[in-house]
Amino acid sequence: MQLRRSAIAVSLLVLSIAAQAQAPAAPVGPPINPNALHVALSSLLLASVKASVANAMIANGRAPASNAAAKVGAPDYLTSNEISHIVVGAGGVLNVGFTGAVSPDAVAVTLTPKLDAGRRSVSWSCVSSSIPEIAKVESECRYVPAAGH
């Protein structure tokens, strides 16, 4: 009787392991508050930094490479309840970090400008390597896992 129970337990364990191995792996990411993420990405704070970068690109034909060159505040000064910092980097690329209101884990998005000199306009692409469900929250954003993930 004891041998039969052991055999059943081992069989159930093997079946459980096999079922887990066959189940498709869903992207696992940090817990996200989608409403707070949406508020951050549509905030006036972020919009004003994007406008400053776009204005510099249109006026100068090239992107600013720092917060100072974009004529915006220092990264840690550009904060809100949802945004921890906004860094203007090379090519006018914005790195936007989020607070615990968005996620208890450090998450961010990268916004990359593209100048259309003929139309004198700038469009933006949005990518996150830390928020798998970013496109569900903001349709113009996409998730691109970091190298090695």
N, C-alpha and C. Protein backbone atom coordinates (compact mmCIF):
# COMPACT_ATOMS: atom_id res chain seq x y z
N MET A 1 0.82 -1.19 0.00
CA MET A 1 0.00 0.00 0.00
C MET A 1 0.87 1.26 0.00
N GLN A 2 1.88 1.28 0.87
CA GLN A 2 2.79 2.43 0.94
C GLN A 2 3.54 2.59 -0.37
N LEU A 3 3.96 1.52 -0.99
CA LEU A 3 4.66 1.58 -2.27
C LEU A 3 3.75 2.15 -3.36
N ARG A 4 2.48 1.75 -3.33
CA ARG A 4 1.54 2.25 -4.33
C ARG A 4 1.33 3.76 -4.16
N ARG A 5 1.19 4.26 -2.94
CA ARG A 5 1.04 5.69 -2.69
C ARG A 5 2.27 6.46 -3.17
N SER A 6 3.43 5.92 -2.92
CA SER A 6 4.67 6.56 -3.38
C SER A 6 4.72 6.62 -4.90
N ALA A 7 4.30 5.55 -5.55
CA ALA A 7 4.31 5.51 -7.02
C ALA A 7 3.32 6.53 -7.57
N ILE A 8 2.16 6.66 -6.94
CA ILE A 8 1.17 7.64 -7.40
C ILE A 8 1.70 9.06 -7.21
N ALA A 9 2.32 9.32 -6.07
CA ALA A 9 2.86 10.65 -5.79
C ALA A 9 3.94 11.01 -6.80
N VAL A 10 4.81 10.06 -7.12
CA VAL A 10 5.88 10.31 -8.10
C VAL A 10 5.27 10.54 -9.48
N SER A 11 4.25 9.78 -9.84
CA SER A 11 3.59 9.95 -11.14
C SER A 11 2.95 11.34 -11.25
N LEU A 12 2.28 11.78 -10.19
CA LEU A 12 1.66 13.10 -10.19
C LEU A 12 2.71 14.20 -10.30
N LEU A 13 3.83 14.02 -9.62
CA LEU A 13 4.92 14.99 -9.68
C LEU A 13 5.48 15.07 -11.09
N VAL A 14 5.70 13.94 -11.72
CA VAL A 14 6.22 13.91 -13.09
C VAL A 14 5.23 14.58 -14.05
N LEU A 15 3.94 14.29 -13.91
CA LEU A 15 2.93 14.91 -14.76
C LEU A 15 2.89 16.43 -14.56
N SER A 16 3.00 16.86 -13.33
CA SER A 16 2.98 18.30 -13.03
C SER A 16 4.18 19.00 -13.65
N ILE A 17 5.35 18.40 -13.55
CA ILE A 17 6.56 18.99 -14.13
C ILE A 17 6.44 19.03 -15.65
N ALA A 18 5.92 17.97 -16.24
CA ALA A 18 5.76 17.92 -17.69
C ALA A 18 4.77 18.99 -18.16
N ALA A 19 3.68 19.18 -17.43
CA ALA A 19 2.69 20.19 -17.82
C ALA A 19 3.29 21.59 -17.73
N GLN A 20 4.08 21.84 -16.71
CA GLN A 20 4.72 23.15 -16.58
C GLN A 20 5.72 23.39 -17.69
N ALA A 21 6.43 22.37 -18.09
CA ALA A 21 7.43 22.51 -19.14
C ALA A 21 6.76 22.81 -20.49
N GLN A 22 5.53 22.31 -20.71
CA GLN A 22 4.86 22.53 -21.97
C GLN A 22 4.09 23.83 -22.02
N ALA A 23 3.79 24.43 -20.88
CA ALA A 23 3.01 25.67 -20.85
C ALA A 23 3.84 26.80 -21.44
N PRO A 24 3.24 27.62 -22.33
CA PRO A 24 3.98 28.74 -22.90
C PRO A 24 4.29 29.77 -21.81
N ALA A 25 5.48 30.30 -21.89
CA ALA A 25 5.91 31.29 -20.89
C ALA A 25 5.43 32.67 -21.31
N ALA A 26 4.66 33.28 -20.45
CA ALA A 26 4.20 34.65 -20.69
C ALA A 26 5.30 35.60 -20.23
N PRO A 27 5.43 36.76 -20.87
CA PRO A 27 6.43 37.70 -20.40
C PRO A 27 6.13 38.10 -18.96
N VAL A 28 7.13 38.01 -18.15
CA VAL A 28 6.98 38.38 -16.75
C VAL A 28 7.68 39.70 -16.54
N GLY A 29 6.99 40.61 -15.95
CA GLY A 29 7.57 41.92 -15.69
C GLY A 29 7.15 42.41 -14.33
N PRO A 30 7.56 43.60 -14.01
CA PRO A 30 7.20 44.16 -12.72
C PRO A 30 5.71 44.48 -12.67
N PRO A 31 5.13 44.48 -11.48
CA PRO A 31 3.73 44.89 -11.39
C PRO A 31 3.60 46.37 -11.77
N ILE A 32 2.63 46.66 -12.60
CA ILE A 32 2.46 48.01 -13.14
C ILE A 32 1.06 48.53 -12.80
N ASN A 33 0.98 49.81 -12.45
CA ASN A 33 -0.30 50.48 -12.32
C ASN A 33 -0.55 51.16 -13.66
N PRO A 34 -1.41 50.56 -14.50
CA PRO A 34 -1.59 51.10 -15.86
C PRO A 34 -2.14 52.52 -15.87
N ASN A 35 -2.99 52.86 -14.92
CA ASN A 35 -3.53 54.23 -14.89
C ASN A 35 -2.43 55.25 -14.60
N ALA A 36 -1.57 54.95 -13.64
CA ALA A 36 -0.48 55.87 -13.31
C ALA A 36 0.51 55.97 -14.47
N LEU A 37 0.77 54.86 -15.16
CA LEU A 37 1.66 54.88 -16.32
C LEU A 37 1.06 55.76 -17.42
N HIS A 38 -0.23 55.62 -17.67
CA HIS A 38 -0.89 56.45 -18.68
C HIS A 38 -0.82 57.93 -18.30
N VAL A 39 -1.07 58.24 -17.03
CA VAL A 39 -0.99 59.63 -16.57
C VAL A 39 0.41 60.18 -16.81
N ALA A 40 1.43 59.40 -16.50
CA ALA A 40 2.82 59.85 -16.68
C ALA A 40 3.13 60.12 -18.14
N LEU A 41 2.74 59.20 -19.03
CA LEU A 41 3.08 59.33 -20.44
C LEU A 41 2.26 60.41 -21.16
N SER A 42 1.15 60.82 -20.57
CA SER A 42 0.34 61.87 -21.17
C SER A 42 0.39 63.16 -20.35
N SER A 43 1.36 63.27 -19.45
CA SER A 43 1.44 64.44 -18.56
C SER A 43 1.94 65.68 -19.29
N LEU A 44 1.57 66.83 -18.75
CA LEU A 44 2.06 68.10 -19.28
C LEU A 44 3.57 68.22 -19.07
N LEU A 45 4.08 67.65 -17.99
CA LEU A 45 5.52 67.69 -17.73
C LEU A 45 6.28 67.03 -18.87
N LEU A 46 5.91 65.81 -19.23
CA LEU A 46 6.59 65.11 -20.32
C LEU A 46 6.34 65.81 -21.65
N ALA A 47 5.12 66.28 -21.86
CA ALA A 47 4.80 66.99 -23.11
C ALA A 47 5.66 68.24 -23.27
N SER A 48 5.91 68.95 -22.17
CA SER A 48 6.72 70.18 -22.27
C SER A 48 8.18 69.86 -22.59
N VAL A 49 8.71 68.76 -22.05
CA VAL A 49 10.09 68.38 -22.37
C VAL A 49 10.17 67.93 -23.83
N LYS A 50 9.20 67.15 -24.30
CA LYS A 50 9.17 66.75 -25.70
C LYS A 50 9.08 67.98 -26.61
N ALA A 51 8.28 68.96 -26.23
CA ALA A 51 8.14 70.18 -27.03
C ALA A 51 9.47 70.95 -27.08
N SER A 52 10.17 71.01 -25.96
CA SER A 52 11.47 71.71 -25.94
C SER A 52 12.48 71.04 -26.85
N VAL A 53 12.52 69.71 -26.80
CA VAL A 53 13.43 68.97 -27.68
C VAL A 53 13.02 69.18 -29.14
N ALA A 54 11.74 69.07 -29.44
CA ALA A 54 11.26 69.25 -30.81
C ALA A 54 11.56 70.66 -31.32
N ASN A 55 11.32 71.68 -30.50
CA ASN A 55 11.61 73.06 -30.90
C ASN A 55 13.09 73.25 -31.21
N ALA A 56 13.95 72.68 -30.38
CA ALA A 56 15.39 72.78 -30.62
C ALA A 56 15.77 72.08 -31.93
N MET A 57 15.17 70.92 -32.20
CA MET A 57 15.47 70.19 -33.42
C MET A 57 15.03 70.97 -34.65
N ILE A 58 13.85 71.56 -34.60
CA ILE A 58 13.33 72.31 -35.74
C ILE A 58 14.14 73.58 -35.96
N ALA A 59 14.48 74.26 -34.87
CA ALA A 59 15.22 75.52 -34.98
C ALA A 59 16.67 75.31 -35.42
N ASN A 60 17.31 74.25 -34.91
CA ASN A 60 18.74 74.04 -35.14
C ASN A 60 19.06 72.95 -36.16
N GLY A 61 18.05 72.16 -36.52
CA GLY A 61 18.30 71.05 -37.44
C GLY A 61 18.98 69.86 -36.80
N ARG A 62 19.19 69.93 -35.51
CA ARG A 62 19.80 68.81 -34.78
C ARG A 62 19.22 68.76 -33.37
N ALA A 63 19.30 67.60 -32.78
CA ALA A 63 18.71 67.39 -31.46
C ALA A 63 19.65 67.84 -30.34
N PRO A 64 19.09 68.34 -29.25
CA PRO A 64 19.91 68.65 -28.09
C PRO A 64 20.39 67.35 -27.45
N ALA A 65 21.53 67.39 -26.78
CA ALA A 65 22.10 66.18 -26.20
C ALA A 65 22.09 66.18 -24.68
N SER A 66 21.41 67.14 -24.09
CA SER A 66 21.35 67.19 -22.63
C SER A 66 20.14 68.01 -22.21
N ASN A 67 19.81 67.93 -20.94
CA ASN A 67 18.71 68.73 -20.42
C ASN A 67 19.01 70.22 -20.59
N ALA A 68 20.24 70.62 -20.33
CA ALA A 68 20.62 72.03 -20.46
C ALA A 68 20.49 72.49 -21.91
N ALA A 69 20.94 71.68 -22.86
CA ALA A 69 20.86 72.04 -24.27
C ALA A 69 19.41 72.12 -24.74
N ALA A 70 18.52 71.33 -24.12
CA ALA A 70 17.10 71.38 -24.46
C ALA A 70 16.39 72.50 -23.71
N LYS A 71 17.13 73.16 -22.82
CA LYS A 71 16.58 74.26 -22.01
C LYS A 71 15.43 73.80 -21.13
N VAL A 72 15.65 72.64 -20.49
CA VAL A 72 14.70 72.12 -19.50
C VAL A 72 15.46 71.91 -18.19
N GLY A 73 14.73 71.66 -17.13
CA GLY A 73 15.33 71.47 -15.83
C GLY A 73 16.21 70.24 -15.76
N ALA A 74 16.97 70.16 -14.68
CA ALA A 74 17.81 68.98 -14.42
C ALA A 74 16.93 67.75 -14.29
N PRO A 75 17.47 66.55 -14.61
CA PRO A 75 16.66 65.33 -14.59
C PRO A 75 15.87 65.13 -13.30
N ASP A 76 16.51 65.34 -12.16
CA ASP A 76 15.83 65.11 -10.89
C ASP A 76 14.88 66.24 -10.51
N TYR A 77 14.89 67.33 -11.27
CA TYR A 77 13.95 68.42 -11.06
C TYR A 77 12.66 68.16 -11.83
N LEU A 78 12.75 67.38 -12.89
CA LEU A 78 11.60 67.06 -13.73
C LEU A 78 10.89 65.85 -13.15
N THR A 79 10.11 66.08 -12.11
CA THR A 79 9.45 64.99 -11.41
C THR A 79 7.97 65.29 -11.22
N SER A 80 7.23 64.23 -10.96
CA SER A 80 5.82 64.33 -10.61
C SER A 80 5.50 63.16 -9.71
N ASN A 81 4.25 62.98 -9.40
CA ASN A 81 3.86 61.83 -8.58
C ASN A 81 4.21 60.52 -9.29
N GLU A 82 4.19 60.52 -10.62
CA GLU A 82 4.45 59.29 -11.40
C GLU A 82 5.84 59.25 -12.04
N ILE A 83 6.47 60.38 -12.25
CA ILE A 83 7.76 60.46 -12.95
C ILE A 83 8.88 60.76 -11.95
N SER A 84 9.94 59.92 -11.96
CA SER A 84 11.07 60.14 -11.04
C SER A 84 12.15 61.01 -11.67
N HIS A 85 12.25 61.00 -12.99
CA HIS A 85 13.24 61.82 -13.69
C HIS A 85 12.99 61.78 -15.20
N ILE A 86 13.49 62.80 -15.88
CA ILE A 86 13.50 62.81 -17.34
C ILE A 86 14.89 63.27 -17.75
N VAL A 87 15.58 62.43 -18.49
CA VAL A 87 16.94 62.72 -18.95
C VAL A 87 16.92 62.90 -20.47
N VAL A 88 17.44 64.03 -20.93
CA VAL A 88 17.62 64.26 -22.36
C VAL A 88 19.03 63.79 -22.70
N GLY A 89 19.13 62.83 -23.61
CA GLY A 89 20.43 62.29 -23.98
C GLY A 89 20.76 62.58 -25.43
N ALA A 90 21.84 61.97 -25.90
CA ALA A 90 22.30 62.14 -27.28
C ALA A 90 21.15 61.89 -28.24
N GLY A 91 21.07 62.74 -29.27
CA GLY A 91 20.03 62.61 -30.27
C GLY A 91 18.67 63.07 -29.79
N GLY A 92 18.61 63.73 -28.61
CA GLY A 92 17.34 64.18 -28.08
C GLY A 92 16.50 63.08 -27.46
N VAL A 93 17.10 61.89 -27.30
CA VAL A 93 16.40 60.75 -26.73
C VAL A 93 16.06 61.03 -25.27
N LEU A 94 14.81 60.77 -24.90
CA LEU A 94 14.37 60.97 -23.53
C LEU A 94 14.29 59.65 -22.80
N ASN A 95 14.91 59.59 -21.62
CA ASN A 95 14.77 58.45 -20.73
C ASN A 95 13.88 58.91 -19.60
N VAL A 96 12.71 58.30 -19.49
CA VAL A 96 11.73 58.68 -18.48
C VAL A 96 11.64 57.57 -17.45
N GLY A 97 12.01 57.88 -16.21
CA GLY A 97 11.91 56.93 -15.12
C GLY A 97 10.64 57.17 -14.33
N PHE A 98 10.13 56.12 -13.72
CA PHE A 98 8.86 56.20 -13.01
C PHE A 98 9.01 55.94 -11.52
N THR A 99 8.08 56.47 -10.76
CA THR A 99 8.07 56.32 -9.30
C THR A 99 7.31 55.05 -8.90
N GLY A 100 7.25 54.83 -7.61
CA GLY A 100 6.49 53.71 -7.06
C GLY A 100 5.00 53.79 -7.35
N ALA A 101 4.49 54.97 -7.72
CA ALA A 101 3.07 55.08 -8.10
C ALA A 101 2.79 54.28 -9.36
N VAL A 102 3.80 54.13 -10.22
CA VAL A 102 3.66 53.36 -11.46
C VAL A 102 4.03 51.90 -11.20
N SER A 103 5.14 51.68 -10.49
CA SER A 103 5.60 50.33 -10.19
C SER A 103 6.55 50.35 -9.01
N PRO A 104 6.50 49.33 -8.17
CA PRO A 104 7.47 49.27 -7.07
C PRO A 104 8.89 48.95 -7.56
N ASP A 105 9.00 48.46 -8.80
CA ASP A 105 10.30 48.16 -9.40
C ASP A 105 10.71 49.33 -10.29
N ALA A 106 12.00 49.46 -10.52
CA ALA A 106 12.50 50.52 -11.41
C ALA A 106 12.11 50.19 -12.84
N VAL A 107 11.27 51.03 -13.43
CA VAL A 107 10.86 50.85 -14.82
C VAL A 107 11.00 52.19 -15.53
N ALA A 108 11.16 52.12 -16.84
CA ALA A 108 11.36 53.34 -17.62
C ALA A 108 10.92 53.12 -19.05
N VAL A 109 10.79 54.22 -19.77
CA VAL A 109 10.57 54.18 -21.21
C VAL A 109 11.59 55.10 -21.87
N THR A 110 11.85 54.82 -23.12
CA THR A 110 12.73 55.65 -23.93
C THR A 110 11.90 56.23 -25.06
N LEU A 111 11.95 57.54 -25.20
CA LEU A 111 11.24 58.23 -26.27
C LEU A 111 12.29 58.79 -27.23
N THR A 112 12.19 58.40 -28.50
CA THR A 112 13.18 58.80 -29.50
C THR A 112 12.53 59.71 -30.52
N PRO A 113 13.10 60.93 -30.70
CA PRO A 113 12.52 61.86 -31.67
C PRO A 113 13.02 61.59 -33.09
N LYS A 114 12.19 61.93 -34.06
CA LYS A 114 12.59 61.85 -35.46
C LYS A 114 12.13 63.13 -36.14
N LEU A 115 13.09 63.87 -36.67
CA LEU A 115 12.81 65.14 -37.32
C LEU A 115 12.40 64.93 -38.77
N ASP A 116 11.30 65.52 -39.16
CA ASP A 116 10.89 65.59 -40.56
C ASP A 116 11.11 67.05 -40.95
N ALA A 117 12.30 67.34 -41.49
CA ALA A 117 12.69 68.72 -41.79
C ALA A 117 11.75 69.36 -42.82
N GLY A 118 11.28 68.58 -43.79
CA GLY A 118 10.39 69.11 -44.81
C GLY A 118 9.08 69.61 -44.23
N ARG A 119 8.58 68.91 -43.25
CA ARG A 119 7.32 69.30 -42.63
C ARG A 119 7.54 70.15 -41.38
N ARG A 120 8.79 70.30 -41.01
CA ARG A 120 9.15 71.03 -39.79
C ARG A 120 8.37 70.49 -38.59
N SER A 121 8.47 69.16 -38.45
CA SER A 121 7.79 68.50 -37.33
C SER A 121 8.66 67.38 -36.78
N VAL A 122 8.32 66.97 -35.58
CA VAL A 122 9.04 65.88 -34.92
C VAL A 122 8.02 64.84 -34.48
N SER A 123 8.31 63.57 -34.79
CA SER A 123 7.48 62.47 -34.30
C SER A 123 8.30 61.71 -33.26
N TRP A 124 7.62 60.94 -32.44
CA TRP A 124 8.28 60.24 -31.35
C TRP A 124 7.95 58.75 -31.39
N SER A 125 8.96 57.92 -31.09
CA SER A 125 8.72 56.50 -30.87
C SER A 125 8.94 56.23 -29.39
N CYS A 126 8.24 55.24 -28.87
CA CYS A 126 8.27 54.93 -27.44
C CYS A 126 8.58 53.46 -27.27
N VAL A 127 9.62 53.14 -26.48
CA VAL A 127 10.04 51.76 -26.26
C VAL A 127 10.32 51.56 -24.77
N SER A 128 9.98 50.38 -24.28
CA SER A 128 10.35 50.00 -22.93
C SER A 128 10.95 48.60 -22.94
N SER A 129 12.03 48.44 -22.22
CA SER A 129 12.62 47.11 -22.06
C SER A 129 12.26 46.52 -20.70
N SER A 130 11.47 47.26 -19.92
CA SER A 130 11.13 46.78 -18.58
C SER A 130 9.63 46.65 -18.32
N ILE A 131 8.79 47.00 -19.31
CA ILE A 131 7.34 46.93 -19.12
C ILE A 131 6.74 46.11 -20.26
N PRO A 132 6.60 44.78 -20.09
CA PRO A 132 6.09 43.94 -21.17
C PRO A 132 4.72 44.36 -21.70
N GLU A 133 3.85 44.89 -20.84
CA GLU A 133 2.50 45.23 -21.29
C GLU A 133 2.36 46.69 -21.72
N ILE A 134 3.46 47.35 -22.04
CA ILE A 134 3.44 48.78 -22.38
C ILE A 134 2.47 49.09 -23.52
N ALA A 135 2.40 48.25 -24.55
CA ALA A 135 1.53 48.52 -25.70
C ALA A 135 0.06 48.42 -25.33
N LYS A 136 -0.27 47.69 -24.27
CA LYS A 136 -1.66 47.61 -23.81
C LYS A 136 -2.07 48.91 -23.13
N VAL A 137 -1.09 49.59 -22.52
CA VAL A 137 -1.37 50.84 -21.82
C VAL A 137 -1.30 52.02 -22.78
N GLU A 138 -0.28 52.05 -23.60
CA GLU A 138 -0.07 53.12 -24.58
C GLU A 138 0.18 52.48 -25.94
N SER A 139 -0.78 52.57 -26.82
CA SER A 139 -0.69 51.85 -28.10
C SER A 139 0.48 52.29 -28.96
N GLU A 140 0.97 53.52 -28.78
CA GLU A 140 2.11 53.97 -29.59
C GLU A 140 3.45 53.49 -29.04
N CYS A 141 3.42 52.80 -27.92
CA CYS A 141 4.66 52.27 -27.33
C CYS A 141 4.80 50.78 -27.64
N ARG A 142 6.04 50.30 -27.58
CA ARG A 142 6.26 48.87 -27.79
C ARG A 142 7.29 48.36 -26.79
N TYR A 143 7.21 47.06 -26.54
CA TYR A 143 8.12 46.41 -25.61
C TYR A 143 9.23 45.73 -26.40
N VAL A 144 10.46 46.02 -26.04
CA VAL A 144 11.62 45.38 -26.64
C VAL A 144 12.50 44.90 -25.50
N PRO A 145 12.53 43.58 -25.25
CA PRO A 145 13.32 43.07 -24.13
C PRO A 145 14.78 43.48 -24.25
N ALA A 146 15.40 43.72 -23.11
CA ALA A 146 16.82 44.04 -23.09
C ALA A 146 17.60 42.83 -23.59
N ALA A 147 18.77 43.08 -24.14
CA ALA A 147 19.62 41.99 -24.64
C ALA A 147 19.86 40.99 -23.52
N GLY A 148 19.76 39.71 -23.84
CA GLY A 148 20.00 38.67 -22.86
C GLY A 148 18.74 38.23 -22.13
N HIS A 149 17.58 38.79 -22.48
CA HIS A 149 16.33 38.39 -21.82
C HIS A 149 15.43 37.66 -22.77
